[in-house]
Amino acid sequence: MNDNHKDFLAILGYIYLQHGLFQKSLIIFKTMQLFFPNDAHAIKSLSYAYLMLNEYQNALTEIDKLNEHDKPALLIKSKALWGLGNVDESRIVLQTYLDMRKS
């Protein structure tokens, strides 16, 4: 697979997300990450699909593979933590995101 294939999978996955077909988007993003395991975009996309399916632990497991300074990843992590009931930790992560936006 090459970058054109990755782009195609990403577009297809996001079309499924926009139409509420979260399970199908999850399959697409799992495939994308299988072929591009260290790609930040693939990891964030898969994490977001898990988030939309309320699979918060899976979303957190995936997003924790990324750098702690990745702004979109922080938002996904904050939502996953909130969904797991870790409200205080979720707020800390969200505050980190907001602080990074200021600088």
PDB file of N, CA and C in Angstrom:
ATOM      1  N   MET A   1       0.847  -1.183   0.000  1.00  0.00           N
ATOM      2  CA  MET A   1       0.000   0.000   0.000  1.00  0.00           C
ATOM      3  C   MET A   1       0.887   1.239   0.000  1.00  0.00           C
ATOM      4  N   ASN A   2       0.396   2.282  -0.636  1.00  0.00           N
ATOM      5  CA  ASN A   2       1.137   3.531  -0.665  1.00  0.00           C
ATOM      6  C   ASN A   2       0.274   4.661  -0.102  1.00  0.00           C
ATOM      7  N   ASP A   3       0.787   5.878  -0.155  1.00  0.00           N
ATOM      8  CA  ASP A   3       0.070   7.021   0.412  1.00  0.00           C
ATOM      9  C   ASP A   3      -1.263   7.287  -0.272  1.00  0.00           C
ATOM     10  N   ASN A   4      -1.371   6.976  -1.562  1.00  0.00           N
ATOM     11  CA  ASN A   4      -2.655   7.157  -2.251  1.00  0.00           C
ATOM     12  C   ASN A   4      -3.713   6.223  -1.665  1.00  0.00           C
ATOM     13  N   HIS A   5      -3.299   5.001  -1.361  1.00  0.00           N
ATOM     14  CA  HIS A   5      -4.225   4.055  -0.739  1.00  0.00           C
ATOM     15  C   HIS A   5      -4.633   4.543   0.653  1.00  0.00           C
ATOM     16  N   LYS A   6      -3.654   5.046   1.387  1.00  0.00           N
ATOM     17  CA  LYS A   6      -3.945   5.564   2.731  1.00  0.00           C
ATOM     18  C   LYS A   6      -4.942   6.708   2.649  1.00  0.00           C
ATOM     19  N   ASP A   7      -4.737   7.615   1.706  1.00  0.00           N
ATOM     20  CA  ASP A   7      -5.655   8.748   1.539  1.00  0.00           C
ATOM     21  C   ASP A   7      -7.062   8.265   1.189  1.00  0.00           C
ATOM     22  N   PHE A   8      -7.143   7.265   0.305  1.00  0.00           N
ATOM     23  CA  PHE A   8      -8.445   6.715  -0.067  1.00  0.00           C
ATOM     24  C   PHE A   8      -9.153   6.128   1.148  1.00  0.00           C
ATOM     25  N   LEU A   9      -8.427   5.337   1.938  1.00  0.00           N
ATOM     26  CA  LEU A   9      -9.026   4.749   3.133  1.00  0.00           C
ATOM     27  C   LEU A   9      -9.483   5.820   4.113  1.00  0.00           C
ATOM     28  N   ALA A  10      -8.674   6.858   4.284  1.00  0.00           N
ATOM     29  CA  ALA A  10      -9.038   7.940   5.198  1.00  0.00           C
ATOM     30  C   ALA A  10     -10.320   8.629   4.738  1.00  0.00           C
ATOM     31  N   ILE A  11     -10.412   8.934   3.463  1.00  0.00           N
ATOM     32  CA  ILE A  11     -11.611   9.600   2.930  1.00  0.00           C
ATOM     33  C   ILE A  11     -12.838   8.710   3.111  1.00  0.00           C
ATOM     34  N   LEU A  12     -12.703   7.441   2.761  1.00  0.00           N
ATOM     35  CA  LEU A  12     -13.825   6.514   2.908  1.00  0.00           C
ATOM     36  C   LEU A  12     -14.249   6.397   4.374  1.00  0.00           C
ATOM     37  N   GLY A  13     -13.283   6.290   5.256  1.00  0.00           N
ATOM     38  CA  GLY A  13     -13.592   6.207   6.687  1.00  0.00           C
ATOM     39  C   GLY A  13     -14.319   7.431   7.193  1.00  0.00           C
ATOM     40  N   TYR A  14     -13.903   8.613   6.762  1.00  0.00           N
ATOM     41  CA  TYR A  14     -14.564   9.838   7.204  1.00  0.00           C
ATOM     42  C   TYR A  14     -15.949   9.997   6.592  1.00  0.00           C
ATOM     43  N   ILE A  15     -16.147   9.501   5.380  1.00  0.00           N
ATOM     44  CA  ILE A  15     -17.501   9.513   4.798  1.00  0.00           C
ATOM     45  C   ILE A  15     -18.420   8.644   5.657  1.00  0.00           C
ATOM     46  N   TYR A  16     -17.932   7.474   6.039  1.00  0.00           N
ATOM     47  CA  TYR A  16     -18.734   6.615   6.914  1.00  0.00           C
ATOM     48  C   TYR A  16     -19.023   7.311   8.245  1.00  0.00           C
ATOM     49  N   LEU A  17     -18.027   7.968   8.823  1.00  0.00           N
ATOM     50  CA  LEU A  17     -18.243   8.689  10.081  1.00  0.00           C
ATOM     51  C   LEU A  17     -19.320   9.751   9.930  1.00  0.00           C
ATOM     52  N   GLN A  18     -19.242  10.529   8.854  1.00  0.00           N
ATOM     53  CA  GLN A  18     -20.203  11.621   8.643  1.00  0.00           C
ATOM     54  C   GLN A  18     -21.621  11.110   8.457  1.00  0.00           C
ATOM     55  N   HIS A  19     -21.757   9.874   8.025  1.00  0.00           N
ATOM     56  CA  HIS A  19     -23.083   9.312   7.817  1.00  0.00           C
ATOM     57  C   HIS A  19     -23.519   8.397   8.965  1.00  0.00           C
ATOM     58  N   GLY A  20     -22.784   8.444  10.051  1.00  0.00           N
ATOM     59  CA  GLY A  20     -23.159   7.676  11.236  1.00  0.00           C
ATOM     60  C   GLY A  20     -22.900   6.190  11.133  1.00  0.00           C
ATOM     61  N   LEU A  21     -22.105   5.787  10.169  1.00  0.00           N
ATOM     62  CA  LEU A  21     -21.771   4.371   9.988  1.00  0.00           C
ATOM     63  C   LEU A  21     -20.456   4.078  10.715  1.00  0.00           C
ATOM     64  N   PHE A  22     -20.521   4.159  12.028  1.00  0.00           N
ATOM     65  CA  PHE A  22     -19.319   4.100  12.853  1.00  0.00           C
ATOM     66  C   PHE A  22     -18.624   2.748  12.797  1.00  0.00           C
ATOM     67  N   GLN A  23     -19.385   1.671  12.748  1.00  0.00           N
ATOM     68  CA  GLN A  23     -18.775   0.339  12.694  1.00  0.00           C
ATOM     69  C   GLN A  23     -18.001   0.156  11.386  1.00  0.00           C
ATOM     70  N   LYS A  24     -18.561   0.640  10.286  1.00  0.00           N
ATOM     71  CA  LYS A  24     -17.859   0.544   9.003  1.00  0.00           C
ATOM     72  C   LYS A  24     -16.602   1.410   9.014  1.00  0.00           C
ATOM     73  N   SER A  25     -16.697   2.596   9.609  1.00  0.00           N
ATOM     74  CA  SER A  25     -15.512   3.457   9.685  1.00  0.00           C
ATOM     75  C   SER A  25     -14.432   2.788  10.528  1.00  0.00           C
ATOM     76  N   LEU A  26     -14.838   2.099  11.578  1.00  0.00           N
ATOM     77  CA  LEU A  26     -13.876   1.402  12.428  1.00  0.00           C
ATOM     78  C   LEU A  26     -13.115   0.345  11.624  1.00  0.00           C
ATOM     79  N   ILE A  27     -13.811  -0.387  10.798  1.00  0.00           N
ATOM     80  CA  ILE A  27     -13.161  -1.413   9.972  1.00  0.00           C
ATOM     81  C   ILE A  27     -12.164  -0.767   9.016  1.00  0.00           C
ATOM     82  N   ILE A  28     -12.563   0.325   8.407  1.00  0.00           N
ATOM     83  CA  ILE A  28     -11.674   1.033   7.473  1.00  0.00           C
ATOM     84  C   ILE A  28     -10.430   1.535   8.206  1.00  0.00           C
ATOM     85  N   PHE A  29     -10.626   2.162   9.356  1.00  0.00           N
ATOM     86  CA  PHE A  29      -9.482   2.712  10.080  1.00  0.00           C
ATOM     87  C   PHE A  29      -8.592   1.632  10.689  1.00  0.00           C
ATOM     88  N   LYS A  30      -9.164   0.494  11.057  1.00  0.00           N
ATOM     89  CA  LYS A  30      -8.333  -0.630  11.508  1.00  0.00           C
ATOM     90  C   LYS A  30      -7.449  -1.117  10.360  1.00  0.00           C
ATOM     91  N   THR A  31      -8.037  -1.173   9.181  1.00  0.00           N
ATOM     92  CA  THR A  31      -7.271  -1.584   7.997  1.00  0.00           C
ATOM     93  C   THR A  31      -6.163  -0.582   7.713  1.00  0.00           C
ATOM     94  N   MET A  32      -6.501   0.703   7.807  1.00  0.00           N
ATOM     95  CA  MET A  32      -5.513   1.748   7.550  1.00  0.00           C
ATOM     96  C   MET A  32      -4.350   1.643   8.540  1.00  0.00           C
ATOM     97  N   GLN A  33      -4.665   1.425   9.798  1.00  0.00           N
ATOM     98  CA  GLN A  33      -3.602   1.337  10.785  1.00  0.00           C
ATOM     99  C   GLN A  33      -2.800   0.046  10.643  1.00  0.00           C
ATOM    100  N   LEU A  34      -3.427  -1.004  10.166  1.00  0.00           N
ATOM    101  CA  LEU A  34      -2.719  -2.266   9.931  1.00  0.00           C
ATOM    102  C   LEU A  34      -1.592  -2.063   8.920  1.00  0.00           C
ATOM    103  N   PHE A  35      -1.870  -1.311   7.873  1.00  0.00           N
ATOM    104  CA  PHE A  35      -0.872  -1.076   6.836  1.00  0.00           C
ATOM    105  C   PHE A  35       0.066   0.090   7.154  1.00  0.00           C
ATOM    106  N   PHE A  36      -0.373   0.995   8.024  1.00  0.00           N
ATOM    107  CA  PHE A  36       0.426   2.163   8.396  1.00  0.00           C
ATOM    108  C   PHE A  36       0.436   2.285   9.921  1.00  0.00           C
ATOM    109  N   PRO A  37       1.069   1.328  10.611  1.00  0.00           N
ATOM    110  CA  PRO A  37       0.953   1.240  12.071  1.00  0.00           C
ATOM    111  C   PRO A  37       1.526   2.413  12.850  1.00  0.00           C
ATOM    112  N   ASN A  38       2.474   3.132  12.290  1.00  0.00           N
ATOM    113  CA  ASN A  38       3.084   4.246  13.026  1.00  0.00           C
ATOM    114  C   ASN A  38       2.608   5.601  12.538  1.00  0.00           C
ATOM    115  N   ASP A  39       1.616   5.619  11.690  1.00  0.00           N
ATOM    116  CA  ASP A  39       1.103   6.860  11.126  1.00  0.00           C
ATOM    117  C   ASP A  39       0.156   7.529  12.117  1.00  0.00           C
ATOM    118  N   ALA A  40       0.480   8.746  12.512  1.00  0.00           N
ATOM    119  CA  ALA A  40      -0.317   9.464  13.510  1.00  0.00           C
ATOM    120  C   ALA A  40      -1.759   9.663  13.046  1.00  0.00           C
ATOM    121  N   HIS A  41      -1.927   9.964  11.771  1.00  0.00           N
ATOM    122  CA  HIS A  41      -3.284  10.165  11.248  1.00  0.00           C
ATOM    123  C   HIS A  41      -4.113   8.883  11.358  1.00  0.00           C
ATOM    124  N   ALA A  42      -3.504   7.757  11.053  1.00  0.00           N
ATOM    125  CA  ALA A  42      -4.205   6.472  11.152  1.00  0.00           C
ATOM    126  C   ALA A  42      -4.590   6.172  12.596  1.00  0.00           C
ATOM    127  N   ILE A  43      -3.692   6.456  13.509  1.00  0.00           N
ATOM    128  CA  ILE A  43      -3.961   6.206  14.929  1.00  0.00           C
ATOM    129  C   ILE A  43      -5.082   7.110  15.433  1.00  0.00           C
ATOM    130  N   LYS A  44      -5.019   8.393  15.080  1.00  0.00           N
ATOM    131  CA  LYS A  44      -6.077   9.324  15.515  1.00  0.00           C
ATOM    132  C   LYS A  44      -7.424   8.947  14.922  1.00  0.00           C
ATOM    133  N   SER A  45      -7.422   8.542  13.667  1.00  0.00           N
ATOM    134  CA  SER A  45      -8.680   8.162  13.012  1.00  0.00           C
ATOM    135  C   SER A  45      -9.299   6.943  13.683  1.00  0.00           C
ATOM    136  N   LEU A  46      -8.481   5.942  13.960  1.00  0.00           N
ATOM    137  CA  LEU A  46      -8.981   4.749  14.632  1.00  0.00           C
ATOM    138  C   LEU A  46      -9.490   5.089  16.031  1.00  0.00           C
ATOM    139  N   SER A  47      -8.758   5.904  16.742  1.00  0.00           N
ATOM    140  CA  SER A  47      -9.175   6.311  18.086  1.00  0.00           C
ATOM    141  C   SER A  47     -10.507   7.040  18.048  1.00  0.00           C
ATOM    142  N   TYR A  48     -10.667   7.915  17.061  1.00  0.00           N
ATOM    143  CA  TYR A  48     -11.906   8.676  16.943  1.00  0.00           C
ATOM    144  C   TYR A  48     -13.084   7.754  16.630  1.00  0.00           C
ATOM    145  N   ALA A  49     -12.860   6.770  15.764  1.00  0.00           N
ATOM    146  CA  ALA A  49     -13.933   5.816  15.459  1.00  0.00           C
ATOM    147  C   ALA A  49     -14.348   5.055  16.721  1.00  0.00           C
ATOM    148  N   TYR A  50     -13.372   4.619  17.509  1.00  0.00           N
ATOM    149  CA  TYR A  50     -13.696   3.965  18.781  1.00  0.00           C
ATOM    150  C   TYR A  50     -14.495   4.905  19.679  1.00  0.00           C
ATOM    151  N   LEU A  51     -14.091   6.154  19.714  1.00  0.00           N
ATOM    152  CA  LEU A  51     -14.776   7.147  20.532  1.00  0.00           C
ATOM    153  C   LEU A  51     -16.239   7.271  20.118  1.00  0.00           C
ATOM    154  N   MET A  52     -16.489   7.306  18.821  1.00  0.00           N
ATOM    155  CA  MET A  52     -17.855   7.443  18.320  1.00  0.00           C
ATOM    156  C   MET A  52     -18.707   6.213  18.632  1.00  0.00           C
ATOM    157  N   LEU A  53     -18.062   5.087  18.852  1.00  0.00           N
ATOM    158  CA  LEU A  53     -18.766   3.855  19.227  1.00  0.00           C
ATOM    159  C   LEU A  53     -18.845   3.674  20.743  1.00  0.00           C
ATOM    160  N   ASN A  54     -18.420   4.713  21.479  1.00  0.00           N
ATOM    161  CA  ASN A  54     -18.394   4.670  22.945  1.00  0.00           C
ATOM    162  C   ASN A  54     -17.493   3.576  23.481  1.00  0.00           C
ATOM    163  N   GLU A  55     -16.497   3.192  22.711  1.00  0.00           N
ATOM    164  CA  GLU A  55     -15.491   2.227  23.153  1.00  0.00           C
ATOM    165  C   GLU A  55     -14.297   3.029  23.680  1.00  0.00           C
ATOM    166  N   TYR A  56     -14.504   3.618  24.841  1.00  0.00           N
ATOM    167  CA  TYR A  56     -13.557   4.592  25.381  1.00  0.00           C
ATOM    168  C   TYR A  56     -12.199   3.994  25.710  1.00  0.00           C
ATOM    169  N   GLN A  57     -12.178   2.785  26.247  1.00  0.00           N
ATOM    170  CA  GLN A  57     -10.886   2.182  26.588  1.00  0.00           C
ATOM    171  C   GLN A  57     -10.072   1.909  25.329  1.00  0.00           C
ATOM    172  N   ASN A  58     -10.713   1.422  24.273  1.00  0.00           N
ATOM    173  CA  ASN A  58     -10.006   1.192  23.018  1.00  0.00           C
ATOM    174  C   ASN A  58      -9.492   2.506  22.428  1.00  0.00           C
ATOM    175  N   ALA A  59     -10.314   3.543  22.510  1.00  0.00           N
ATOM    176  CA  ALA A  59      -9.889   4.855  22.017  1.00  0.00           C
ATOM    177  C   ALA A  59      -8.664   5.334  22.785  1.00  0.00           C
ATOM    178  N   LEU A  60      -8.682   5.169  24.087  1.00  0.00           N
ATOM    179  CA  LEU A  60      -7.568   5.594  24.931  1.00  0.00           C
ATOM    180  C   LEU A  60      -6.312   4.767  24.656  1.00  0.00           C
ATOM    181  N   THR A  61      -6.473   3.479  24.496  1.00  0.00           N
ATOM    182  CA  THR A  61      -5.334   2.606  24.211  1.00  0.00           C
ATOM    183  C   THR A  61      -4.640   3.030  22.923  1.00  0.00           C
ATOM    184  N   GLU A  62      -5.421   3.331  21.898  1.00  0.00           N
ATOM    185  CA  GLU A  62      -4.839   3.750  20.618  1.00  0.00           C
ATOM    186  C   GLU A  62      -4.197   5.128  20.716  1.00  0.00           C
ATOM    187  N   ILE A  63      -4.891   6.072  21.297  1.00  0.00           N
ATOM    188  CA  ILE A  63      -4.403   7.456  21.306  1.00  0.00           C
ATOM    189  C   ILE A  63      -3.154   7.600  22.168  1.00  0.00           C
ATOM    190  N   ASP A  64      -2.991   6.723  23.145  1.00  0.00           N
ATOM    191  CA  ASP A  64      -1.797   6.779  23.992  1.00  0.00           C
ATOM    192  C   ASP A  64      -0.527   6.373  23.240  1.00  0.00           C
ATOM    193  N   LYS A  65      -0.672   5.884  22.019  1.00  0.00           N
ATOM    194  CA  LYS A  65       0.491   5.555  21.193  1.00  0.00           C
ATOM    195  C   LYS A  65       1.150   6.811  20.620  1.00  0.00           C
ATOM    196  N   LEU A  66       0.452   7.942  20.721  1.00  0.00           N
ATOM    197  CA  LEU A  66       0.955   9.181  20.118  1.00  0.00           C
ATOM    198  C   LEU A  66       1.675  10.060  21.122  1.00  0.00           C
ATOM    199  N   ASN A  67       2.381  11.010  20.578  1.00  0.00           N
ATOM    200  CA  ASN A  67       3.103  12.004  21.362  1.00  0.00           C
ATOM    201  C   ASN A  67       2.119  12.813  22.202  1.00  0.00           C
ATOM    202  N   GLU A  68       2.489  13.091  23.413  1.00  0.00           N
ATOM    203  CA  GLU A  68       1.603  13.835  24.311  1.00  0.00           C
ATOM    204  C   GLU A  68       1.441  15.300  23.919  1.00  0.00           C
ATOM    205  N   HIS A  69       2.140  15.728  22.883  1.00  0.00           N
ATOM    206  CA  HIS A  69       2.042  17.119  22.437  1.00  0.00           C
ATOM    207  C   HIS A  69       1.227  17.257  21.156  1.00  0.00           C
ATOM    208  N   ASP A  70       0.528  16.226  20.775  1.00  0.00           N
ATOM    209  CA  ASP A  70      -0.323  16.243  19.591  1.00  0.00           C
ATOM    210  C   ASP A  70      -1.695  16.784  20.006  1.00  0.00           C
ATOM    211  N   LYS A  71      -2.013  17.993  19.541  1.00  0.00           N
ATOM    212  CA  LYS A  71      -3.237  18.659  20.007  1.00  0.00           C
ATOM    213  C   LYS A  71      -4.516  17.871  19.738  1.00  0.00           C
ATOM    214  N   PRO A  72      -4.771  17.429  18.502  1.00  0.00           N
ATOM    215  CA  PRO A  72      -6.007  16.655  18.292  1.00  0.00           C
ATOM    216  C   PRO A  72      -6.053  15.378  19.140  1.00  0.00           C
ATOM    217  N   ALA A  73      -4.911  14.758  19.354  1.00  0.00           N
ATOM    218  CA  ALA A  73      -4.866  13.552  20.179  1.00  0.00           C
ATOM    219  C   ALA A  73      -5.274  13.860  21.619  1.00  0.00           C
ATOM    220  N   LEU A  74      -4.906  15.031  22.096  1.00  0.00           N
ATOM    221  CA  LEU A  74      -5.289  15.421  23.455  1.00  0.00           C
ATOM    222  C   LEU A  74      -6.804  15.541  23.595  1.00  0.00           C
ATOM    223  N   LEU A  75      -7.465  16.064  22.564  1.00  0.00           N
ATOM    224  CA  LEU A  75      -8.924  16.167  22.618  1.00  0.00           C
ATOM    225  C   LEU A  75      -9.578  14.790  22.650  1.00  0.00           C
ATOM    226  N   ILE A  76      -9.081  13.894  21.816  1.00  0.00           N
ATOM    227  CA  ILE A  76      -9.624  12.536  21.809  1.00  0.00           C
ATOM    228  C   ILE A  76      -9.381  11.869  23.160  1.00  0.00           C
ATOM    229  N   LYS A  77      -8.179  12.048  23.683  1.00  0.00           N
ATOM    230  CA  LYS A  77      -7.847  11.450  24.979  1.00  0.00           C
ATOM    231  C   LYS A  77      -8.744  11.998  26.081  1.00  0.00           C
ATOM    232  N   SER A  78      -8.971  13.301  26.068  1.00  0.00           N
ATOM    233  CA  SER A  78      -9.823  13.915  27.077  1.00  0.00           C
ATOM    234  C   SER A  78     -11.239  13.349  27.026  1.00  0.00           C
ATOM    235  N   LYS A  79     -11.783  13.198  25.821  1.00  0.00           N
ATOM    236  CA  LYS A  79     -13.135  12.645  25.678  1.00  0.00           C
ATOM    237  C   LYS A  79     -13.187  11.188  26.106  1.00  0.00           C
ATOM    238  N   ALA A  80     -12.155  10.420  25.780  1.00  0.00           N
ATOM    239  CA  ALA A  80     -12.122   9.017  26.173  1.00  0.00           C
ATOM    240  C   ALA A  80     -12.058   8.891  27.700  1.00  0.00           C
ATOM    241  N   LEU A  81     -11.224   9.696  28.316  1.00  0.00           N
ATOM    242  CA  LEU A  81     -11.125   9.678  29.777  1.00  0.00           C
ATOM    243  C   LEU A  81     -12.458  10.060  30.420  1.00  0.00           C
ATOM    244  N   TRP A  82     -13.106  11.066  29.861  1.00  0.00           N
ATOM    245  CA  TRP A  82     -14.410  11.498  30.372  1.00  0.00           C
ATOM    246  C   TRP A  82     -15.413  10.345  30.269  1.00  0.00           C
ATOM    247  N   GLY A  83     -15.419   9.680  29.118  1.00  0.00           N
ATOM    248  CA  GLY A  83     -16.323   8.559  28.905  1.00  0.00           C
ATOM    249  C   GLY A  83     -16.088   7.414  29.872  1.00  0.00           C
ATOM    250  N   LEU A  84     -14.834   7.266  30.297  1.00  0.00           N
ATOM    251  CA  LEU A  84     -14.490   6.221  31.275  1.00  0.00           C
ATOM    252  C   LEU A  84     -14.766   6.653  32.712  1.00  0.00           C
ATOM    253  N   GLY A  85     -15.203   7.886  32.881  1.00  0.00           N
ATOM    254  CA  GLY A  85     -15.501   8.386  34.215  1.00  0.00           C
ATOM    255  C   GLY A  85     -14.318   9.001  34.929  1.00  0.00           C
ATOM    256  N   ASN A  86     -13.207   9.164  34.242  1.00  0.00           N
ATOM    257  CA  ASN A  86     -12.011   9.784  34.827  1.00  0.00           C
ATOM    258  C   ASN A  86     -12.075  11.290  34.588  1.00  0.00           C
ATOM    259  N   VAL A  87     -13.028  11.925  35.250  1.00  0.00           N
ATOM    260  CA  VAL A  87     -13.337  13.332  34.999  1.00  0.00           C
ATOM    261  C   VAL A  87     -12.157  14.242  35.318  1.00  0.00           C
ATOM    262  N   ASP A  88     -11.520  14.047  36.447  1.00  0.00           N
ATOM    263  CA  ASP A  88     -10.408  14.920  36.830  1.00  0.00           C
ATOM    264  C   ASP A  88      -9.253  14.810  35.834  1.00  0.00           C
ATOM    265  N   GLU A  89      -8.908  13.587  35.461  1.00  0.00           N
ATOM    266  CA  GLU A  89      -7.821  13.399  34.496  1.00  0.00           C
ATOM    267  C   GLU A  89      -8.208  13.977  33.133  1.00  0.00           C
ATOM    268  N   SER A  90      -9.466  13.826  32.765  1.00  0.00           N
ATOM    269  CA  SER A  90      -9.954  14.387  31.506  1.00  0.00           C
ATOM    270  C   SER A  90      -9.790  15.903  31.496  1.00  0.00           C
ATOM    271  N   ARG A  91     -10.115  16.533  32.600  1.00  0.00           N
ATOM    272  CA  ARG A  91      -9.978  17.996  32.697  1.00  0.00           C
ATOM    273  C   ARG A  91      -8.515  18.430  32.611  1.00  0.00           C
ATOM    274  N   ILE A  92      -7.626  17.667  33.208  1.00  0.00           N
ATOM    275  CA  ILE A  92      -6.198  17.989  33.146  1.00  0.00           C
ATOM    276  C   ILE A  92      -5.704  17.912  31.703  1.00  0.00           C
ATOM    277  N   VAL A  93      -6.100  16.867  30.996  1.00  0.00           N
ATOM    278  CA  VAL A  93      -5.691  16.713  29.599  1.00  0.00           C
ATOM    279  C   VAL A  93      -6.274  17.842  28.756  1.00  0.00           C
ATOM    280  N   LEU A  94      -7.526  18.184  29.003  1.00  0.00           N
ATOM    281  CA  LEU A  94      -8.147  19.285  28.259  1.00  0.00           C
ATOM    282  C   LEU A  94      -7.435  20.601  28.551  1.00  0.00           C
ATOM    283  N   GLN A  95      -7.053  20.822  29.796  1.00  0.00           N
ATOM    284  CA  GLN A  95      -6.330  22.042  30.149  1.00  0.00           C
ATOM    285  C   GLN A  95      -4.961  22.091  29.458  1.00  0.00           C
ATOM    286  N   THR A  96      -4.326  20.952  29.354  1.00  0.00           N
ATOM    287  CA  THR A  96      -3.048  20.879  28.622  1.00  0.00           C
ATOM    288  C   THR A  96      -3.250  21.289  27.175  1.00  0.00           C
ATOM    289  N   TYR A  97      -4.323  20.793  26.569  1.00  0.00           N
ATOM    290  CA  TYR A  97      -4.652  21.167  25.190  1.00  0.00           C
ATOM    291  C   TYR A  97      -4.860  22.677  25.085  1.00  0.00           C
ATOM    292  N   LEU A  98      -5.645  23.241  26.016  1.00  0.00           N
ATOM    293  CA  LEU A  98      -5.916  24.685  25.966  1.00  0.00           C
ATOM    294  C   LEU A  98      -4.643  25.500  26.167  1.00  0.00           C
ATOM    295  N   ASP A  99      -3.786  25.056  27.059  1.00  0.00           N
ATOM    296  CA  ASP A  99      -2.511  25.755  27.284  1.00  0.00           C
ATOM    297  C   ASP A  99      -1.633  25.708  26.031  1.00  0.00           C
ATOM    298  N   MET A 100      -1.644  24.568  25.355  1.00  0.00           N
ATOM    299  CA  MET A 100      -0.841  24.440  24.117  1.00  0.00           C
ATOM    300  C   MET A 100      -1.375  25.350  23.032  1.00  0.00           C
ATOM    301  N   ARG A 101      -2.657  25.562  22.994  1.00  0.00           N
ATOM    302  CA  ARG A 101      -3.253  26.451  21.976  1.00  0.00           C
ATOM    303  C   ARG A 101      -2.816  27.891  22.183  1.00  0.00           C
ATOM    304  N   LYS A 102      -2.600  28.281  23.431  1.00  0.00           N
ATOM    305  CA  LYS A 102      -2.209  29.656  23.746  1.00  0.00           C
ATOM    306  C   LYS A 102      -0.788  29.948  23.298  1.00  0.00           C
ATOM    307  N   SER A 103       0.068  28.931  23.345  1.00  0.00           N
ATOM    308  CA  SER A 103       1.482  29.167  23.039  1.00  0.00           C
ATOM    309  C   SER A 103       1.818  28.950  21.586  1.00  0.00           C
TER     310      SER A 103
END
